[in-house]
C-alpha cells in the first residue's frame, strides 16, 4: 500500500501550488467525536498496528513507529494478539516514550475458551504494559459468547473501560448485527471505505440507533483506493472541503458519516501519519459533499 500511496502523494504535490487553501480550512484544530457510552471526546483519526508494528526487536524498524506515536494526542491505537509482535512493540514504545496517558489503547481477544481468553488478555495487558485497558474487543467475533462474559466481568472490576466486537468483511454483518442488538457492547469495529460501502445499509444505522461507537478498519481497502487514483489529480474543488491529498479525501469521507466515531488507518510512516491526521482537522464534509466525493471517485 505504501508504494501506491507515495505515488498518489507525488501527484498531489505536483499540483499543490495551484490549489487555493481557504484560511478557514487551514486551522490546525483536531476534530473529535464523543463516545456515546462515555461522553469523552475521541479524535476522528487513530492508527492501526496490523503489519506495520510487527517488527519485533528491530531497533531501526521501531524508530519511525515511535515517531508515529509521538504525533498522537488522545487518538485511538488499535492492536491485537493476532498481529504478531505488534502489541509488544507498541507497549515498549508507549512505555519508553511515556505516552500512555496521552492515548486511547484498544486491543482484542482472539482465541476460544474462557481460560484461554483470560490468559490471552492477561498477556495483552503485559505486552502493552497496561493495568487498565481502554477498549477490549472480540476479534472477528471468535467465541463471542464466552469472551463477552469475561470482558464484562473485567469491565465491572475496572480493568477494562469499554467492550467491543470487530469484523472486517461484510459477509459477517448479520452476525455483527445480532451481537449489537444484545446491548452488551459500547464499540463496534468494521470495514468501510469508498470501495466497501455495505456497512451503510444496516450496521451504521443500527450502531447510531443503539449509541454504539464505530471504529473503521480497512479505510483504504488494502491500498486499492490508492491504486485507483494513481496518477490522477484531486478534483479542483477538493481544497474547498479541506482536502489536500487522496488519503485525506478517503478518510474525511469516512469520518464525516454521523455514525462513525473514528477511522484507524495503519501506518508506520510518520509522513503518512501526519497526512492521515490532517484529515481529522479543520472541518468535515457535509452530506452533499460526501455524495459529490463518492460520485467523483466512482467516475475515475
Protein backbone atom coordinates (compact mmCIF):
# COMPACT_ATOMS: atom_id res chain seq x y z
CA UNK A 1 0.00 0.00 0.00
CA UNK A 2 2.89 2.42 0.76
CA UNK A 3 4.04 2.30 -2.87
CA UNK A 4 0.62 3.31 -4.18
CA UNK A 5 0.33 6.00 -1.53
CA UNK A 6 3.72 7.50 -2.33
CA UNK A 7 2.70 7.74 -5.98
CA UNK A 8 -0.55 9.47 -5.02
CA UNK A 9 1.28 11.92 -2.75
CA UNK A 10 3.67 12.84 -5.57
CA UNK A 11 0.72 13.60 -7.83
CA UNK A 12 -0.83 15.86 -5.22
CA UNK A 13 2.47 17.61 -4.56
CA UNK A 14 2.81 18.39 -8.25
CA UNK A 15 -0.45 20.33 -8.29
CA UNK A 16 -0.37 21.72 -4.75
CA UNK A 17 0.94 25.08 -5.89
CA UNK A 18 -2.22 25.60 -7.90
CA UNK A 19 -4.63 24.93 -5.02
CA UNK A 20 -6.01 27.87 -3.09
CA UNK A 21 -6.40 26.91 0.58
CA UNK A 22 -9.09 28.85 2.35
CA UNK A 23 -7.97 30.24 5.73
CA UNK A 24 -10.89 28.56 7.49
CA UNK A 25 -9.73 25.18 6.19
CA UNK A 26 -6.15 25.65 7.34
CA UNK A 27 -6.98 25.69 11.05
CA UNK A 28 -4.84 23.23 12.99
CA UNK A 29 -7.75 22.02 15.08
CA UNK A 30 -8.19 18.32 15.81
CA UNK A 31 -11.71 17.11 15.21
CA UNK A 32 -13.21 14.79 17.80
CA UNK A 33 -16.41 12.86 18.29
CA UNK A 34 -17.93 11.75 21.56
CA UNK A 35 -18.03 8.11 22.60
CA UNK A 36 -21.78 7.64 23.10
CA UNK A 37 -21.42 5.39 26.15
CA UNK A 38 -18.96 7.60 28.00
CA UNK A 39 -19.23 11.05 26.53
CA UNK A 40 -15.48 11.53 26.25
CA UNK A 41 -14.07 13.02 23.06
CA UNK A 42 -12.02 10.83 20.73
CA UNK A 43 -10.05 12.22 17.75
CA UNK A 44 -11.61 11.03 14.50
CA UNK A 45 -8.31 9.62 13.21
CA UNK A 46 -6.44 6.89 15.06
CA UNK A 47 -3.91 4.28 13.98
CA UNK A 48 -3.98 0.53 13.45
CA UNK A 49 -0.93 -1.65 14.14
CA UNK A 50 -1.60 -4.64 11.86
CA UNK A 51 1.58 -5.47 9.90
CA UNK A 52 3.14 -2.02 10.41
CA UNK A 53 4.09 -2.58 14.09
CA UNK A 54 5.03 -6.24 13.67
CA UNK A 55 8.78 -5.55 13.62
CA UNK A 56 10.00 -7.49 16.67
CA UNK A 57 13.21 -6.21 18.29
CA UNK A 58 14.49 -4.43 15.18
CA UNK A 59 15.53 -1.06 16.62
CA UNK A 60 15.84 0.57 13.20
CA UNK A 61 12.31 -0.51 12.27
CA UNK A 62 10.98 0.64 15.63
CA UNK A 63 12.36 4.18 15.31
CA UNK A 64 9.75 5.53 12.85
CA UNK A 65 6.99 3.80 14.82
CA UNK A 66 7.95 5.84 17.85
CA UNK A 67 7.73 8.97 15.71
CA UNK A 68 4.25 7.89 14.58
CA UNK A 69 3.07 7.51 18.18
CA UNK A 70 4.58 10.85 19.25
CA UNK A 71 2.34 12.60 16.72
CA UNK A 72 -0.76 11.41 18.56
CA UNK A 73 -2.66 13.07 21.37
CA UNK A 74 -5.76 11.31 22.64
CA UNK A 75 -6.02 9.18 19.50
CA UNK A 76 -7.02 5.54 19.43
CA UNK A 77 -4.22 2.98 18.93
CA UNK A 78 -5.61 -0.43 17.93
CA UNK A 79 -3.81 -3.76 18.18
CA UNK A 80 -4.42 -7.50 18.60
CA UNK A 81 -2.57 -10.65 19.66
CA UNK A 82 -3.20 -11.74 16.07
CA UNK A 83 -0.75 -9.07 14.87
CA UNK A 84 2.50 -10.84 15.70
CA UNK A 85 4.79 -8.66 17.80
CA UNK A 86 2.66 -5.52 17.36
CA UNK A 87 1.32 -5.42 20.91
CA UNK A 88 4.78 -5.81 22.43
CA UNK A 89 6.32 -3.23 20.11
CA UNK A 90 3.57 -0.72 20.83
CA UNK A 91 3.79 -1.38 24.56
CA UNK A 92 7.56 -0.93 24.65
CA UNK A 93 7.35 2.33 22.71
CA UNK A 94 4.48 3.68 24.81
CA UNK A 95 6.45 2.97 27.99
CA UNK A 96 9.78 4.32 26.71
CA UNK A 97 8.23 7.49 25.29
CA UNK A 98 5.87 7.90 28.27
CA UNK A 99 2.83 8.25 26.02
CA UNK A 100 0.32 6.00 27.76
CA UNK A 101 -1.69 8.79 29.35
CA UNK A 102 -1.98 10.60 26.00
CA UNK A 103 -3.57 7.72 24.08
CA UNK A 104 -6.68 5.55 23.93
CA UNK A 105 -5.43 1.95 23.77
CA UNK A 106 -7.52 -0.84 22.26
CA UNK A 107 -6.73 -4.49 21.66
CA UNK A 108 -8.61 -7.73 21.13
CA UNK A 109 -9.07 -11.29 22.30
CA UNK A 110 -8.65 -13.89 19.56
CA UNK A 111 -8.96 -17.44 20.86
CA UNK A 112 -11.50 -19.97 22.08
CA UNK A 113 -12.48 -20.85 25.63
CA UNK A 114 -12.72 -18.87 28.87
CA UNK A 115 -9.36 -19.95 30.29
CA UNK A 116 -7.57 -19.31 27.01
CA UNK A 117 -9.28 -15.92 26.70
CA UNK A 118 -8.27 -14.88 30.21
CA UNK A 119 -4.71 -15.97 29.55
CA UNK A 120 -4.52 -14.13 26.25
CA UNK A 121 -5.99 -10.93 27.65
CA UNK A 122 -3.57 -11.05 30.58
CA UNK A 123 -0.76 -11.39 28.05
CA UNK A 124 -2.07 -8.35 26.14
CA UNK A 125 -2.08 -6.29 29.33
CA UNK A 126 1.51 -7.37 29.94
CA UNK A 127 2.67 -6.73 26.38
CA UNK A 128 1.03 -3.31 26.23
CA UNK A 129 2.26 -2.58 29.78
CA UNK A 130 -1.19 -1.59 30.99
CA UNK A 131 -3.09 -2.02 34.20
CA UNK A 132 -6.31 -0.81 32.64
CA UNK A 133 -7.37 -1.26 29.01
CA UNK A 134 -9.43 1.44 27.35
CA UNK A 135 -11.15 -0.99 24.97
CA UNK A 136 -11.15 -4.78 24.74
CA UNK A 137 -12.71 -6.18 21.58
CA UNK A 138 -13.64 -9.68 20.46
CA UNK A 139 -11.63 -10.19 17.29
CA UNK A 140 -13.85 -11.28 14.38
CA UNK A 141 -16.47 -12.40 16.93
CA UNK A 142 -14.47 -15.55 17.70
CA UNK A 143 -16.20 -17.33 20.63
CA UNK A 144 -18.02 -14.10 21.36
CA UNK A 145 -20.46 -15.61 23.85
CA UNK A 146 -17.67 -16.82 26.11
CA UNK A 147 -15.43 -13.76 25.89
CA UNK A 148 -18.27 -11.27 26.32
CA UNK A 149 -18.97 -12.63 29.80
CA UNK A 150 -15.29 -12.36 30.73
CA UNK A 151 -14.89 -8.85 29.34
CA UNK A 152 -18.00 -7.60 31.12
CA UNK A 153 -16.70 -9.08 34.39
CA UNK A 154 -13.37 -7.31 33.89
CA UNK A 155 -15.22 -4.12 32.99
CA UNK A 156 -17.17 -4.32 36.26
CA UNK A 157 -13.85 -4.77 38.08
CA UNK A 158 -12.47 -1.61 36.46
CA UNK A 159 -9.80 -3.42 34.42
CA UNK A 160 -11.48 -2.62 31.10
CA UNK A 161 -13.30 0.61 30.28
CA UNK A 162 -15.25 -0.40 27.16
CA UNK A 163 -16.29 -3.65 25.46
CA UNK A 164 -16.45 -4.14 21.72
CA UNK A 165 -16.67 -6.51 18.78
CA UNK A 166 -14.88 -6.44 15.44
CA UNK A 167 -15.00 -7.81 11.92
CA UNK A 168 -13.52 -6.91 8.56
CA UNK A 169 -15.90 -8.34 5.97
CA UNK A 170 -19.49 -7.67 5.00
CA UNK A 171 -20.29 -11.40 4.99
CA UNK A 172 -20.19 -11.25 8.80
CA UNK A 173 -22.60 -8.31 9.11
CA UNK A 174 -25.65 -10.42 10.02
CA UNK A 175 -23.72 -11.83 12.99
CA UNK A 176 -22.42 -8.37 13.89
CA UNK A 177 -25.97 -7.05 13.80
CA UNK A 178 -27.27 -9.81 16.07
CA UNK A 179 -24.45 -9.17 18.53
CA UNK A 180 -25.05 -5.42 18.64
CA UNK A 181 -28.72 -5.95 19.40
CA UNK A 182 -27.80 -7.70 22.67
CA UNK A 183 -26.82 -4.29 24.03
CA UNK A 184 -23.61 -5.59 25.60
CA UNK A 185 -21.09 -3.57 23.59
CA UNK A 186 -20.09 0.08 23.55
CA UNK A 187 -17.93 -0.21 20.41
CA UNK A 188 -18.06 -1.99 17.07
CA UNK A 189 -15.16 -2.09 14.60
CA UNK A 190 -15.92 -2.84 10.95
CA UNK A 191 -14.65 -2.21 7.43
CA UNK A 192 -15.90 0.79 5.50
CA UNK A 193 -14.46 2.86 2.66
CA UNK A 194 -15.29 4.31 -0.72
CA UNK A 195 -14.69 0.80 -2.10
CA UNK A 196 -16.57 -1.09 0.63
CA UNK A 197 -19.79 0.70 1.47
CA UNK A 198 -22.02 -2.18 2.59
CA UNK A 199 -21.96 -1.07 6.24
CA UNK A 200 -24.16 1.90 5.29
CA UNK A 201 -27.14 -0.39 4.78
CA UNK A 202 -27.69 -1.78 8.29
CA UNK A 203 -24.65 -1.69 10.58
CA UNK A 204 -24.04 2.06 10.70
CA UNK A 205 -27.71 2.99 11.19
CA UNK A 206 -28.03 0.32 13.88
CA UNK A 207 -24.93 1.50 15.72
CA UNK A 208 -26.25 5.04 15.71
CA UNK A 209 -29.65 3.89 16.96
CA UNK A 210 -28.03 1.91 19.80
CA UNK A 211 -25.49 4.63 20.68
CA UNK A 212 -22.55 2.36 19.89
CA UNK A 213 -19.24 3.96 18.88
CA UNK A 214 -17.95 2.86 15.46
CA UNK A 215 -14.29 2.29 14.57
CA UNK A 216 -13.47 1.85 10.89
CA UNK A 217 -10.79 -0.56 9.70
CA UNK A 218 -9.61 -1.04 6.09
CA UNK A 219 -10.23 2.67 5.29
CA UNK A 220 -8.05 2.41 2.19
CA UNK A 221 -9.41 -1.04 1.21
CA UNK A 222 -5.99 -2.68 1.43
CA UNK A 223 -4.48 0.02 -0.77
CA UNK A 224 -6.90 -0.46 -3.65
CA UNK A 225 -8.12 3.14 -3.32
CA UNK A 226 -4.62 4.48 -3.93
CA UNK A 227 -4.16 2.17 -6.90
CA UNK A 228 -7.34 3.53 -8.43
CA UNK A 229 -6.26 7.17 -8.15
CA UNK A 230 -2.60 6.62 -9.02
CA UNK A 231 -1.51 9.36 -11.41
CA UNK A 232 -4.78 11.27 -11.03
CA UNK A 233 -5.08 14.77 -9.60
CA UNK A 234 -7.54 15.67 -6.89
CA UNK A 235 -10.67 17.42 -8.17
CA UNK A 236 -10.26 21.21 -8.19
CA UNK A 237 -12.94 21.60 -5.51
CA UNK A 238 -11.13 19.35 -3.00
CA UNK A 239 -9.37 22.24 -1.28
CA UNK A 240 -12.77 23.84 -0.60
CA UNK A 241 -13.56 20.96 1.78
CA UNK A 242 -10.12 20.91 3.37
CA UNK A 243 -8.72 18.01 1.33
CA UNK A 244 -5.13 18.21 0.08
CA UNK A 245 -4.21 14.57 -0.54
CA UNK A 246 -6.00 11.41 -1.60
CA UNK A 247 -5.57 9.92 1.86
CA UNK A 248 -7.37 12.93 3.32
CA UNK A 249 -10.08 12.55 0.68
CA UNK A 250 -10.67 8.91 1.62
CA UNK A 251 -10.54 9.49 5.37
CA UNK A 252 -12.64 12.66 5.54
CA UNK A 253 -15.35 10.93 3.52
CA UNK A 254 -15.43 8.14 6.11
CA UNK A 255 -15.32 10.08 9.37
CA UNK A 256 -17.88 12.62 8.15
CA UNK A 257 -20.52 9.90 8.40
CA UNK A 258 -22.58 10.75 11.50
CA UNK A 259 -22.49 7.19 12.88
CA UNK A 260 -18.70 6.85 12.72
CA UNK A 261 -16.51 7.77 15.68
CA UNK A 262 -13.04 7.25 14.19
CA UNK A 263 -11.01 5.50 11.49
CA UNK A 264 -7.76 3.62 12.13
CA UNK A 265 -5.56 3.57 9.03
CA UNK A 266 -2.45 1.52 9.65
CA UNK A 267 0.93 3.10 9.04
CA UNK A 268 4.48 3.00 10.31
CA UNK A 269 5.46 6.07 8.31
CA UNK A 270 5.45 9.41 10.19
CA UNK A 271 4.84 11.36 6.97
CA UNK A 272 1.77 9.28 6.23
CA UNK A 273 0.61 9.63 9.84
CA UNK A 274 0.79 13.42 9.55
CA UNK A 275 -1.18 13.24 6.33
CA UNK A 276 -3.79 10.98 7.94
CA UNK A 277 -4.09 13.27 10.97
CA UNK A 278 -4.67 16.24 8.67
CA UNK A 279 -7.89 14.52 7.57
CA UNK A 280 -9.05 14.92 11.16
CA UNK A 281 -8.50 18.68 11.25
CA UNK A 282 -10.45 21.71 10.10
CA UNK A 283 -13.96 20.74 9.02
CA UNK A 284 -15.70 17.62 7.76
CA UNK A 285 -17.67 17.46 4.51
CA UNK A 286 -21.45 17.70 4.77
CA UNK A 287 -23.72 15.09 3.22
CA UNK A 288 -23.88 16.87 -0.13
CA UNK A 289 -20.09 17.00 -0.26
CA UNK A 290 -19.86 13.31 0.65
CA UNK A 291 -22.16 12.45 -2.26
CA UNK A 292 -20.03 14.58 -4.58
CA UNK A 293 -16.87 12.85 -3.34
CA UNK A 294 -18.38 9.43 -3.92
CA UNK A 295 -19.63 10.31 -7.39
CA UNK A 296 -16.24 11.67 -8.38
CA UNK A 297 -14.44 8.58 -7.08
CA UNK A 298 -16.79 6.24 -8.94
CA UNK A 299 -16.24 8.21 -12.16
CA UNK A 300 -12.46 7.66 -12.11
